[in-house]
Amino acid sequence: MNIFDLVRLLGISLDNAIEATTKNKGEIQIALIQEPKQLSIIINNTISSHNDVTKMMQDGFTTKKNHSGFGLVTVADIEKKYPNLFVQYRQNHHWFNLTIVIIK
């Protein structure tokens, strides 16, 4: 995987987690799990309201004022470039979970 794509992927993911937790003084949990055949990056953050993940991945979706809303669209574009990259989003009552898996 190109290092610039990885940095962009992580930058967007961490920026979204920080933005989601700033207003309500929430929590962010990050885990890096290195295994012989894959690297998993898990970013969990608390949420104060639920958004439909499908809508979040559409062009122009944003929760920020005066923002273009291309973050998760860019993540999806990066994911399409690499057949060994998998990105999964989940939400439950108070947490948003992002799992990034890179198969070696």
N, C-alpha and C. Protein backbone atom coordinates (compact mmCIF):
# COMPACT_ATOMS: atom_id res chain seq x y z
N MET A 1 0.85 -1.18 0.00
CA MET A 1 0.00 0.00 0.00
C MET A 1 0.89 1.24 0.00
N ASN A 2 0.53 2.19 -0.83
CA ASN A 2 1.26 3.44 -0.88
C ASN A 2 1.17 4.16 0.47
N ILE A 3 2.29 4.62 0.99
CA ILE A 3 2.33 5.24 2.31
C ILE A 3 1.46 6.49 2.38
N PHE A 4 1.37 7.24 1.28
CA PHE A 4 0.54 8.44 1.27
C PHE A 4 -0.94 8.10 1.39
N ASP A 5 -1.36 7.00 0.77
CA ASP A 5 -2.75 6.55 0.91
C ASP A 5 -3.03 6.11 2.34
N LEU A 6 -2.08 5.42 2.95
CA LEU A 6 -2.25 4.98 4.34
C LEU A 6 -2.35 6.18 5.28
N VAL A 7 -1.48 7.16 5.10
CA VAL A 7 -1.51 8.35 5.94
C VAL A 7 -2.83 9.10 5.75
N ARG A 8 -3.30 9.21 4.52
CA ARG A 8 -4.57 9.89 4.25
C ARG A 8 -5.73 9.14 4.90
N LEU A 9 -5.73 7.82 4.78
CA LEU A 9 -6.76 6.98 5.38
C LEU A 9 -6.81 7.17 6.90
N LEU A 10 -5.64 7.11 7.53
CA LEU A 10 -5.58 7.28 8.99
C LEU A 10 -5.92 8.71 9.39
N GLY A 11 -5.47 9.69 8.61
CA GLY A 11 -5.75 11.08 8.92
C GLY A 11 -7.24 11.37 8.91
N ILE A 12 -7.93 10.92 7.89
CA ILE A 12 -9.38 11.12 7.81
C ILE A 12 -10.07 10.42 8.97
N SER A 13 -9.68 9.19 9.24
CA SER A 13 -10.32 8.40 10.29
C SER A 13 -10.13 9.02 11.67
N LEU A 14 -8.92 9.46 11.96
CA LEU A 14 -8.66 10.08 13.26
C LEU A 14 -9.31 11.46 13.37
N ASP A 15 -9.29 12.22 12.29
CA ASP A 15 -9.94 13.53 12.29
C ASP A 15 -11.44 13.39 12.56
N ASN A 16 -12.07 12.40 11.95
CA ASN A 16 -13.50 12.16 12.19
C ASN A 16 -13.77 11.78 13.64
N ALA A 17 -12.91 10.94 14.20
CA ALA A 17 -13.09 10.52 15.60
C ALA A 17 -12.91 11.71 16.54
N ILE A 18 -11.91 12.54 16.28
CA ILE A 18 -11.67 13.72 17.11
C ILE A 18 -12.85 14.68 17.02
N GLU A 19 -13.32 14.91 15.81
CA GLU A 19 -14.45 15.83 15.61
C GLU A 19 -15.70 15.32 16.32
N ALA A 20 -15.93 14.02 16.31
CA ALA A 20 -17.12 13.44 16.94
C ALA A 20 -17.06 13.51 18.46
N THR A 21 -15.88 13.58 19.03
CA THR A 21 -15.75 13.55 20.49
C THR A 21 -15.45 14.90 21.12
N THR A 22 -15.13 15.90 20.33
CA THR A 22 -14.75 17.19 20.87
C THR A 22 -15.89 17.88 21.60
N LYS A 23 -17.07 17.88 21.02
CA LYS A 23 -18.20 18.61 21.59
C LYS A 23 -18.67 18.02 22.92
N ASN A 24 -18.66 16.69 23.02
CA ASN A 24 -19.21 16.05 24.22
C ASN A 24 -18.13 15.45 25.12
N LYS A 25 -16.87 15.88 24.90
CA LYS A 25 -15.75 15.36 25.70
C LYS A 25 -15.78 13.83 25.75
N GLY A 26 -15.93 13.23 24.58
CA GLY A 26 -16.03 11.77 24.47
C GLY A 26 -14.68 11.08 24.53
N GLU A 27 -14.70 9.82 24.19
CA GLU A 27 -13.51 8.98 24.24
C GLU A 27 -13.16 8.46 22.86
N ILE A 28 -11.85 8.24 22.66
CA ILE A 28 -11.34 7.59 21.46
C ILE A 28 -10.46 6.43 21.91
N GLN A 29 -10.66 5.29 21.29
CA GLN A 29 -9.82 4.11 21.55
C GLN A 29 -9.18 3.71 20.23
N ILE A 30 -7.87 3.46 20.27
CA ILE A 30 -7.15 3.06 19.06
C ILE A 30 -6.36 1.79 19.37
N ALA A 31 -6.43 0.83 18.46
CA ALA A 31 -5.66 -0.40 18.61
C ALA A 31 -5.00 -0.73 17.27
N LEU A 32 -3.75 -1.12 17.34
CA LEU A 32 -3.01 -1.63 16.18
C LEU A 32 -2.68 -3.07 16.50
N ILE A 33 -3.09 -3.98 15.64
CA ILE A 33 -2.86 -5.40 15.88
C ILE A 33 -2.08 -5.97 14.70
N GLN A 34 -0.83 -6.30 14.96
CA GLN A 34 0.06 -6.86 13.93
C GLN A 34 0.03 -8.37 14.05
N GLU A 35 -0.36 -9.02 12.97
CA GLU A 35 -0.37 -10.47 12.90
C GLU A 35 0.50 -10.88 11.72
N PRO A 36 0.88 -12.14 11.64
CA PRO A 36 1.78 -12.56 10.56
C PRO A 36 1.27 -12.21 9.16
N LYS A 37 -0.05 -12.28 8.93
CA LYS A 37 -0.57 -12.07 7.58
C LYS A 37 -1.45 -10.84 7.43
N GLN A 38 -1.59 -10.06 8.49
CA GLN A 38 -2.42 -8.87 8.36
C GLN A 38 -2.12 -7.86 9.46
N LEU A 39 -2.47 -6.60 9.17
CA LEU A 39 -2.42 -5.52 10.14
C LEU A 39 -3.84 -5.01 10.30
N SER A 40 -4.30 -4.93 11.53
CA SER A 40 -5.63 -4.39 11.81
C SER A 40 -5.48 -3.10 12.60
N ILE A 41 -6.22 -2.09 12.18
CA ILE A 41 -6.24 -0.81 12.87
C ILE A 41 -7.69 -0.58 13.27
N ILE A 42 -7.92 -0.41 14.57
CA ILE A 42 -9.27 -0.24 15.08
C ILE A 42 -9.34 1.13 15.75
N ILE A 43 -10.31 1.92 15.32
CA ILE A 43 -10.53 3.24 15.90
C ILE A 43 -11.99 3.29 16.35
N ASN A 44 -12.19 3.43 17.65
CA ASN A 44 -13.53 3.53 18.22
C ASN A 44 -13.67 4.91 18.86
N ASN A 45 -14.83 5.53 18.68
CA ASN A 45 -15.08 6.79 19.37
C ASN A 45 -16.53 6.86 19.81
N THR A 46 -16.74 7.55 20.91
CA THR A 46 -18.10 7.74 21.39
C THR A 46 -18.83 8.70 20.45
N ILE A 47 -20.15 8.56 20.41
CA ILE A 47 -20.98 9.42 19.57
C ILE A 47 -22.13 9.96 20.42
N SER A 48 -22.58 11.15 20.07
CA SER A 48 -23.72 11.72 20.79
C SER A 48 -25.01 11.56 20.01
N SER A 49 -24.90 11.31 18.70
CA SER A 49 -26.08 11.06 17.88
C SER A 49 -25.73 10.07 16.78
N HIS A 50 -26.73 9.37 16.30
CA HIS A 50 -26.52 8.36 15.27
C HIS A 50 -26.72 8.98 13.89
N ASN A 51 -25.86 8.59 12.96
CA ASN A 51 -26.02 8.94 11.55
C ASN A 51 -26.01 7.65 10.77
N ASP A 52 -26.77 7.61 9.71
CA ASP A 52 -26.80 6.44 8.84
C ASP A 52 -25.44 6.34 8.13
N VAL A 53 -24.73 5.24 8.34
CA VAL A 53 -23.40 5.06 7.76
C VAL A 53 -23.45 5.15 6.24
N THR A 54 -24.51 4.65 5.63
CA THR A 54 -24.65 4.73 4.18
C THR A 54 -24.69 6.18 3.72
N LYS A 55 -25.41 7.03 4.44
CA LYS A 55 -25.46 8.45 4.11
C LYS A 55 -24.11 9.12 4.35
N MET A 56 -23.42 8.69 5.39
CA MET A 56 -22.12 9.28 5.73
C MET A 56 -21.10 9.06 4.61
N MET A 57 -21.28 8.03 3.83
CA MET A 57 -20.33 7.69 2.78
C MET A 57 -20.67 8.34 1.44
N GLN A 58 -21.70 9.20 1.40
CA GLN A 58 -22.08 9.86 0.17
C GLN A 58 -21.34 11.18 0.01
N ASP A 59 -21.12 11.57 -1.26
CA ASP A 59 -20.49 12.86 -1.55
C ASP A 59 -21.23 13.98 -0.84
N GLY A 60 -20.49 14.85 -0.19
CA GLY A 60 -21.07 16.04 0.40
C GLY A 60 -21.60 15.89 1.80
N PHE A 61 -21.66 14.66 2.35
CA PHE A 61 -22.15 14.51 3.72
C PHE A 61 -21.11 15.07 4.68
N THR A 62 -21.55 15.93 5.57
CA THR A 62 -20.65 16.47 6.59
C THR A 62 -21.45 16.91 7.80
N THR A 63 -20.81 16.90 8.94
CA THR A 63 -21.40 17.45 10.15
C THR A 63 -20.73 18.76 10.51
N LYS A 64 -19.79 19.20 9.68
CA LYS A 64 -19.03 20.42 9.94
C LYS A 64 -19.56 21.57 9.08
N LYS A 65 -19.54 22.79 9.63
CA LYS A 65 -19.95 23.96 8.87
C LYS A 65 -18.86 24.30 7.85
N ASN A 66 -19.28 24.72 6.67
CA ASN A 66 -18.36 25.14 5.61
C ASN A 66 -17.33 24.08 5.26
N HIS A 67 -17.76 22.86 5.13
CA HIS A 67 -16.87 21.74 4.83
C HIS A 67 -17.40 20.97 3.64
N SER A 68 -16.50 20.41 2.85
CA SER A 68 -16.89 19.73 1.61
C SER A 68 -17.50 18.36 1.83
N GLY A 69 -17.14 17.66 2.89
CA GLY A 69 -17.73 16.36 3.18
C GLY A 69 -17.24 15.23 2.29
N PHE A 70 -15.96 15.21 1.97
CA PHE A 70 -15.43 14.16 1.11
C PHE A 70 -14.62 13.10 1.87
N GLY A 71 -14.57 13.15 3.20
CA GLY A 71 -13.74 12.25 3.98
C GLY A 71 -13.98 10.78 3.73
N LEU A 72 -15.20 10.31 3.98
CA LEU A 72 -15.47 8.89 3.83
C LEU A 72 -15.55 8.48 2.36
N VAL A 73 -15.85 9.42 1.48
CA VAL A 73 -15.80 9.13 0.05
C VAL A 73 -14.34 8.88 -0.35
N THR A 74 -13.43 9.67 0.19
CA THR A 74 -12.00 9.48 -0.08
C THR A 74 -11.54 8.14 0.48
N VAL A 75 -12.00 7.77 1.66
CA VAL A 75 -11.65 6.47 2.24
C VAL A 75 -12.13 5.36 1.30
N ALA A 76 -13.34 5.46 0.80
CA ALA A 76 -13.88 4.44 -0.12
C ALA A 76 -13.05 4.38 -1.41
N ASP A 77 -12.62 5.55 -1.91
CA ASP A 77 -11.79 5.58 -3.12
C ASP A 77 -10.44 4.90 -2.88
N ILE A 78 -9.85 5.13 -1.71
CA ILE A 78 -8.59 4.47 -1.37
C ILE A 78 -8.81 2.97 -1.26
N GLU A 79 -9.89 2.57 -0.63
CA GLU A 79 -10.19 1.13 -0.46
C GLU A 79 -10.32 0.44 -1.82
N LYS A 80 -10.90 1.12 -2.81
CA LYS A 80 -11.08 0.53 -4.14
C LYS A 80 -9.75 0.27 -4.84
N LYS A 81 -8.72 1.01 -4.48
CA LYS A 81 -7.41 0.88 -5.13
C LYS A 81 -6.66 -0.37 -4.69
N TYR A 82 -7.02 -0.93 -3.54
CA TYR A 82 -6.24 -2.02 -2.96
C TYR A 82 -7.13 -3.22 -2.65
N PRO A 83 -6.95 -4.33 -3.36
CA PRO A 83 -7.79 -5.51 -3.09
C PRO A 83 -7.48 -6.17 -1.74
N ASN A 84 -6.39 -5.77 -1.11
CA ASN A 84 -6.02 -6.34 0.19
C ASN A 84 -6.38 -5.41 1.35
N LEU A 85 -7.18 -4.37 1.07
CA LEU A 85 -7.59 -3.41 2.09
C LEU A 85 -9.08 -3.54 2.33
N PHE A 86 -9.47 -3.66 3.59
CA PHE A 86 -10.88 -3.78 3.96
C PHE A 86 -11.19 -2.76 5.05
N VAL A 87 -12.26 -2.00 4.87
CA VAL A 87 -12.69 -0.98 5.82
C VAL A 87 -14.13 -1.28 6.21
N GLN A 88 -14.38 -1.33 7.51
CA GLN A 88 -15.72 -1.64 8.01
C GLN A 88 -16.13 -0.61 9.05
N TYR A 89 -17.37 -0.13 8.94
CA TYR A 89 -17.93 0.82 9.91
C TYR A 89 -19.09 0.15 10.62
N ARG A 90 -19.21 0.44 11.92
CA ARG A 90 -20.35 -0.05 12.70
C ARG A 90 -20.69 1.01 13.75
N GLN A 91 -21.94 1.01 14.17
CA GLN A 91 -22.37 1.87 15.27
C GLN A 91 -23.20 1.04 16.23
N ASN A 92 -23.09 1.35 17.50
CA ASN A 92 -24.05 0.81 18.46
C ASN A 92 -24.56 1.99 19.27
N HIS A 93 -25.05 1.78 20.44
CA HIS A 93 -25.74 2.84 21.19
C HIS A 93 -24.89 4.09 21.39
N HIS A 94 -23.64 3.93 21.77
CA HIS A 94 -22.83 5.10 22.10
C HIS A 94 -21.46 5.12 21.42
N TRP A 95 -21.21 4.17 20.54
CA TRP A 95 -19.89 4.06 19.93
C TRP A 95 -19.96 3.95 18.42
N PHE A 96 -18.99 4.56 17.75
CA PHE A 96 -18.78 4.38 16.32
C PHE A 96 -17.49 3.58 16.19
N ASN A 97 -17.51 2.50 15.44
CA ASN A 97 -16.36 1.61 15.32
C ASN A 97 -15.89 1.57 13.87
N LEU A 98 -14.61 1.79 13.68
CA LEU A 98 -13.97 1.70 12.36
C LEU A 98 -12.87 0.66 12.44
N THR A 99 -12.91 -0.31 11.55
CA THR A 99 -11.88 -1.33 11.48
C THR A 99 -11.27 -1.30 10.09
N ILE A 100 -9.96 -1.18 10.06
CA ILE A 100 -9.19 -1.18 8.82
C ILE A 100 -8.31 -2.42 8.87
N VAL A 101 -8.38 -3.27 7.85
CA VAL A 101 -7.57 -4.48 7.79
C VAL A 101 -6.77 -4.45 6.49
N ILE A 102 -5.46 -4.62 6.63
CA ILE A 102 -4.57 -4.69 5.49
C ILE A 102 -3.97 -6.09 5.47
N ILE A 103 -4.29 -6.86 4.43
CA ILE A 103 -3.76 -8.21 4.29
C ILE A 103 -2.40 -8.11 3.62
N LYS A 104 -1.42 -8.83 4.19
CA LYS A 104 -0.07 -8.79 3.63
C LYS A 104 0.09 -9.80 2.52
